[in-house]
Amino acid sequence: MIVKSKLLKKISDGYPNFFKKDLNKFFNIFLNEIKEALKRGERVELRDFGMWSVTIQKPRISRNPKTGEKVHTNKKIKIRFKMAKEFFKKLNNEK
């Protein structure tokens, strides 16, 4: 698993001319812009990496699997990620 701090460390190692605090600020802005675009219902696409989009699951009546009791489930907003073909090929060592 990679966490934000490890990712920032790799970026700072690759770009030693930038201050770590500036890279951290840039990375926070980058992630915040993705988050805000998804909140607005927009699609976010990073070429050769993937695409995030928002889907809305309608409210419905579902069942509690333990008791069988009917339960009202509210509307849910889900984030969907679709990997780019180029990224998929790199992960699977295809040409």
N, C-alpha and C. Protein backbone atom coordinates (compact mmCIF):
# COMPACT_ATOMS: atom_id res chain seq x y z
N MET A 1 0.85 -1.17 0.00
CA MET A 1 0.00 0.00 0.00
C MET A 1 0.90 1.24 0.00
N ILE A 2 0.47 2.22 -0.75
CA ILE A 2 1.20 3.48 -0.75
C ILE A 2 0.31 4.54 -0.11
N VAL A 3 0.91 5.32 0.75
CA VAL A 3 0.19 6.39 1.42
C VAL A 3 0.71 7.73 0.89
N LYS A 4 -0.02 8.77 1.20
CA LYS A 4 0.30 10.10 0.69
C LYS A 4 1.73 10.52 1.04
N SER A 5 2.16 10.24 2.26
CA SER A 5 3.51 10.66 2.68
C SER A 5 4.59 9.95 1.86
N LYS A 6 4.39 8.66 1.56
CA LYS A 6 5.36 7.92 0.75
C LYS A 6 5.39 8.46 -0.69
N LEU A 7 4.22 8.77 -1.21
CA LEU A 7 4.13 9.32 -2.56
C LEU A 7 4.83 10.68 -2.64
N LEU A 8 4.60 11.53 -1.64
CA LEU A 8 5.27 12.84 -1.60
C LEU A 8 6.78 12.68 -1.48
N LYS A 9 7.22 11.69 -0.73
CA LYS A 9 8.67 11.44 -0.59
C LYS A 9 9.28 11.06 -1.93
N LYS A 10 8.60 10.18 -2.69
CA LYS A 10 9.10 9.77 -4.01
C LYS A 10 9.15 10.96 -4.96
N ILE A 11 8.12 11.80 -4.91
CA ILE A 11 8.11 12.99 -5.77
C ILE A 11 9.23 13.94 -5.38
N SER A 12 9.43 14.16 -4.09
CA SER A 12 10.49 15.08 -3.64
C SER A 12 11.88 14.53 -3.97
N ASP A 13 12.03 13.21 -3.94
CA ASP A 13 13.31 12.61 -4.32
C ASP A 13 13.58 12.81 -5.81
N GLY A 14 12.52 12.76 -6.61
CA GLY A 14 12.66 12.94 -8.05
C GLY A 14 12.85 14.39 -8.46
N TYR A 15 12.37 15.30 -7.65
CA TYR A 15 12.48 16.74 -7.94
C TYR A 15 13.10 17.45 -6.74
N PRO A 16 14.40 17.34 -6.55
CA PRO A 16 15.04 17.91 -5.36
C PRO A 16 15.07 19.44 -5.36
N ASN A 17 14.78 20.09 -6.49
CA ASN A 17 14.80 21.55 -6.55
C ASN A 17 13.57 22.18 -5.90
N PHE A 18 12.52 21.38 -5.69
CA PHE A 18 11.29 21.89 -5.08
C PHE A 18 11.31 21.64 -3.58
N PHE A 19 10.76 22.59 -2.83
CA PHE A 19 10.62 22.41 -1.39
C PHE A 19 9.51 21.39 -1.13
N LYS A 20 9.68 20.61 -0.05
CA LYS A 20 8.68 19.61 0.29
C LYS A 20 7.33 20.26 0.60
N LYS A 21 7.37 21.42 1.25
CA LYS A 21 6.10 22.08 1.60
C LYS A 21 5.37 22.54 0.34
N ASP A 22 6.11 22.93 -0.72
CA ASP A 22 5.48 23.33 -1.97
C ASP A 22 4.87 22.12 -2.69
N LEU A 23 5.59 21.00 -2.67
CA LEU A 23 5.06 19.78 -3.28
C LEU A 23 3.82 19.30 -2.53
N ASN A 24 3.84 19.40 -1.22
CA ASN A 24 2.69 19.02 -0.41
C ASN A 24 1.49 19.90 -0.74
N LYS A 25 1.73 21.19 -0.88
CA LYS A 25 0.66 22.13 -1.21
C LYS A 25 0.08 21.82 -2.60
N PHE A 26 0.97 21.57 -3.56
CA PHE A 26 0.53 21.23 -4.91
C PHE A 26 -0.31 19.96 -4.90
N PHE A 27 0.16 18.94 -4.17
CA PHE A 27 -0.53 17.66 -4.12
C PHE A 27 -1.91 17.81 -3.47
N ASN A 28 -2.00 18.62 -2.42
CA ASN A 28 -3.30 18.87 -1.77
C ASN A 28 -4.25 19.59 -2.71
N ILE A 29 -3.75 20.56 -3.47
CA ILE A 29 -4.58 21.28 -4.44
C ILE A 29 -5.07 20.31 -5.51
N PHE A 30 -4.18 19.46 -5.99
CA PHE A 30 -4.50 18.48 -7.02
C PHE A 30 -5.63 17.54 -6.56
N LEU A 31 -5.48 16.97 -5.37
CA LEU A 31 -6.50 16.06 -4.84
C LEU A 31 -7.80 16.79 -4.54
N ASN A 32 -7.71 18.02 -4.05
CA ASN A 32 -8.90 18.80 -3.74
C ASN A 32 -9.69 19.13 -5.00
N GLU A 33 -9.00 19.43 -6.09
CA GLU A 33 -9.68 19.73 -7.36
C GLU A 33 -10.43 18.51 -7.88
N ILE A 34 -9.82 17.33 -7.74
CA ILE A 34 -10.51 16.10 -8.15
C ILE A 34 -11.76 15.90 -7.29
N LYS A 35 -11.61 16.09 -5.98
CA LYS A 35 -12.74 15.92 -5.06
C LYS A 35 -13.87 16.90 -5.36
N GLU A 36 -13.52 18.16 -5.59
CA GLU A 36 -14.54 19.18 -5.86
C GLU A 36 -15.26 18.92 -7.19
N ALA A 37 -14.52 18.47 -8.20
CA ALA A 37 -15.14 18.16 -9.49
C ALA A 37 -16.13 17.01 -9.34
N LEU A 38 -15.77 16.00 -8.57
CA LEU A 38 -16.67 14.88 -8.34
C LEU A 38 -17.90 15.30 -7.55
N LYS A 39 -17.72 16.22 -6.60
CA LYS A 39 -18.87 16.74 -5.84
C LYS A 39 -19.84 17.46 -6.76
N ARG A 40 -19.32 18.14 -7.79
CA ARG A 40 -20.18 18.84 -8.75
C ARG A 40 -20.79 17.89 -9.78
N GLY A 41 -20.42 16.61 -9.71
CA GLY A 41 -20.96 15.63 -10.64
C GLY A 41 -20.21 15.56 -11.95
N GLU A 42 -19.04 16.18 -12.01
CA GLU A 42 -18.25 16.18 -13.24
C GLU A 42 -17.38 14.94 -13.31
N ARG A 43 -16.92 14.64 -14.52
CA ARG A 43 -16.02 13.52 -14.75
C ARG A 43 -14.58 14.02 -14.71
N VAL A 44 -13.68 13.24 -14.11
CA VAL A 44 -12.27 13.61 -14.04
C VAL A 44 -11.47 12.57 -14.82
N GLU A 45 -10.68 13.04 -15.78
CA GLU A 45 -9.92 12.12 -16.60
C GLU A 45 -8.45 12.49 -16.60
N LEU A 46 -7.60 11.52 -16.30
CA LEU A 46 -6.16 11.68 -16.42
C LEU A 46 -5.71 10.75 -17.53
N ARG A 47 -5.27 11.31 -18.63
CA ARG A 47 -4.90 10.52 -19.80
C ARG A 47 -3.86 9.47 -19.43
N ASP A 48 -3.99 8.30 -20.02
CA ASP A 48 -3.11 7.16 -19.81
C ASP A 48 -3.11 6.63 -18.38
N PHE A 49 -4.03 7.10 -17.55
CA PHE A 49 -4.14 6.59 -16.18
C PHE A 49 -5.55 6.06 -15.92
N GLY A 50 -6.54 6.93 -15.99
CA GLY A 50 -7.90 6.49 -15.74
C GLY A 50 -8.88 7.64 -15.62
N MET A 51 -10.12 7.28 -15.30
CA MET A 51 -11.20 8.26 -15.24
C MET A 51 -12.06 7.98 -14.00
N TRP A 52 -12.41 9.04 -13.29
CA TRP A 52 -13.34 8.95 -12.17
C TRP A 52 -14.66 9.58 -12.61
N SER A 53 -15.76 8.96 -12.22
CA SER A 53 -17.07 9.54 -12.49
C SER A 53 -17.97 9.23 -11.30
N VAL A 54 -19.08 9.95 -11.24
CA VAL A 54 -20.02 9.80 -10.13
C VAL A 54 -21.29 9.13 -10.66
N THR A 55 -21.77 8.14 -9.94
CA THR A 55 -23.06 7.53 -10.24
C THR A 55 -23.95 7.67 -9.01
N ILE A 56 -25.24 7.80 -9.25
CA ILE A 56 -26.19 7.95 -8.15
C ILE A 56 -27.04 6.70 -8.07
N GLN A 57 -27.03 6.10 -6.89
CA GLN A 57 -27.87 4.93 -6.63
C GLN A 57 -29.17 5.44 -6.02
N LYS A 58 -30.28 5.14 -6.65
CA LYS A 58 -31.59 5.64 -6.22
C LYS A 58 -31.98 5.05 -4.86
N PRO A 59 -32.83 5.77 -4.12
CA PRO A 59 -33.32 5.20 -2.85
C PRO A 59 -34.16 3.96 -3.15
N ARG A 60 -34.09 2.99 -2.25
CA ARG A 60 -34.81 1.74 -2.50
C ARG A 60 -35.16 1.06 -1.19
N ILE A 61 -35.96 0.03 -1.33
CA ILE A 61 -36.29 -0.81 -0.19
C ILE A 61 -35.41 -2.05 -0.31
N SER A 62 -34.60 -2.30 0.72
CA SER A 62 -33.73 -3.48 0.72
C SER A 62 -34.07 -4.34 1.94
N ARG A 63 -33.40 -5.45 2.05
CA ARG A 63 -33.68 -6.36 3.17
C ARG A 63 -32.44 -6.52 4.03
N ASN A 64 -32.67 -6.59 5.33
CA ASN A 64 -31.62 -6.93 6.28
C ASN A 64 -31.37 -8.44 6.12
N PRO A 65 -30.16 -8.85 5.70
CA PRO A 65 -29.94 -10.28 5.45
C PRO A 65 -30.03 -11.16 6.71
N LYS A 66 -29.82 -10.55 7.86
CA LYS A 66 -29.85 -11.32 9.10
C LYS A 66 -31.29 -11.61 9.54
N THR A 67 -32.15 -10.58 9.46
CA THR A 67 -33.52 -10.73 9.96
C THR A 67 -34.56 -10.86 8.86
N GLY A 68 -34.21 -10.45 7.62
CA GLY A 68 -35.18 -10.48 6.53
C GLY A 68 -36.10 -9.28 6.54
N GLU A 69 -35.91 -8.39 7.49
CA GLU A 69 -36.74 -7.20 7.64
C GLU A 69 -36.47 -6.20 6.51
N LYS A 70 -37.53 -5.56 6.01
CA LYS A 70 -37.38 -4.56 4.96
C LYS A 70 -36.83 -3.27 5.56
N VAL A 71 -35.88 -2.68 4.85
CA VAL A 71 -35.21 -1.47 5.34
C VAL A 71 -35.17 -0.46 4.19
N HIS A 72 -35.47 0.79 4.51
CA HIS A 72 -35.38 1.85 3.50
C HIS A 72 -33.92 2.31 3.41
N THR A 73 -33.37 2.26 2.19
CA THR A 73 -32.01 2.70 1.95
C THR A 73 -32.06 4.02 1.20
N ASN A 74 -31.40 5.02 1.71
CA ASN A 74 -31.39 6.35 1.09
C ASN A 74 -30.56 6.35 -0.19
N LYS A 75 -30.69 7.44 -0.94
CA LYS A 75 -29.90 7.64 -2.15
C LYS A 75 -28.42 7.67 -1.78
N LYS A 76 -27.58 7.07 -2.65
CA LYS A 76 -26.14 7.06 -2.41
C LYS A 76 -25.42 7.60 -3.63
N ILE A 77 -24.37 8.33 -3.39
CA ILE A 77 -23.51 8.81 -4.46
C ILE A 77 -22.24 7.97 -4.43
N LYS A 78 -21.95 7.31 -5.56
CA LYS A 78 -20.79 6.43 -5.63
C LYS A 78 -19.78 6.97 -6.63
N ILE A 79 -18.52 6.72 -6.35
CA ILE A 79 -17.45 7.12 -7.25
C ILE A 79 -17.01 5.87 -8.00
N ARG A 80 -16.93 6.01 -9.31
CA ARG A 80 -16.52 4.90 -10.16
C ARG A 80 -15.18 5.25 -10.80
N PHE A 81 -14.25 4.29 -10.80
CA PHE A 81 -12.96 4.49 -11.45
C PHE A 81 -12.82 3.50 -12.59
N LYS A 82 -12.47 4.01 -13.75
CA LYS A 82 -12.22 3.15 -14.90
C LYS A 82 -10.79 3.37 -15.34
N MET A 83 -10.03 2.28 -15.36
CA MET A 83 -8.62 2.34 -15.71
C MET A 83 -8.46 2.53 -17.22
N ALA A 84 -7.46 3.33 -17.61
CA ALA A 84 -7.16 3.52 -19.03
C ALA A 84 -6.54 2.25 -19.61
N LYS A 85 -6.76 2.03 -20.90
CA LYS A 85 -6.22 0.84 -21.55
C LYS A 85 -4.70 0.78 -21.46
N GLU A 86 -4.05 1.93 -21.61
CA GLU A 86 -2.59 1.97 -21.55
C GLU A 86 -2.09 1.55 -20.17
N PHE A 87 -2.76 2.02 -19.13
CA PHE A 87 -2.38 1.67 -17.76
C PHE A 87 -2.61 0.19 -17.51
N PHE A 88 -3.73 -0.34 -18.01
CA PHE A 88 -4.04 -1.76 -17.87
C PHE A 88 -2.95 -2.61 -18.52
N LYS A 89 -2.54 -2.20 -19.70
CA LYS A 89 -1.50 -2.96 -20.42
C LYS A 89 -0.17 -2.92 -19.66
N LYS A 90 0.17 -1.77 -19.08
CA LYS A 90 1.42 -1.67 -18.30
C LYS A 90 1.36 -2.56 -17.06
N LEU A 91 0.22 -2.60 -16.40
CA LEU A 91 0.09 -3.44 -15.20
C LEU A 91 0.19 -4.93 -15.53
N ASN A 92 -0.27 -5.30 -16.72
CA ASN A 92 -0.27 -6.70 -17.12
C ASN A 92 0.88 -7.06 -18.05
N ASN A 93 1.86 -6.18 -18.15
CA ASN A 93 3.05 -6.41 -18.98
C ASN A 93 2.72 -6.77 -20.42
N GLU A 94 1.72 -6.10 -20.97
CA GLU A 94 1.35 -6.30 -22.36
C GLU A 94 1.92 -5.18 -23.19
N LYS A 95 2.02 -5.41 -24.50
CA LYS A 95 2.53 -4.36 -25.39
C LYS A 95 1.44 -3.74 -26.19
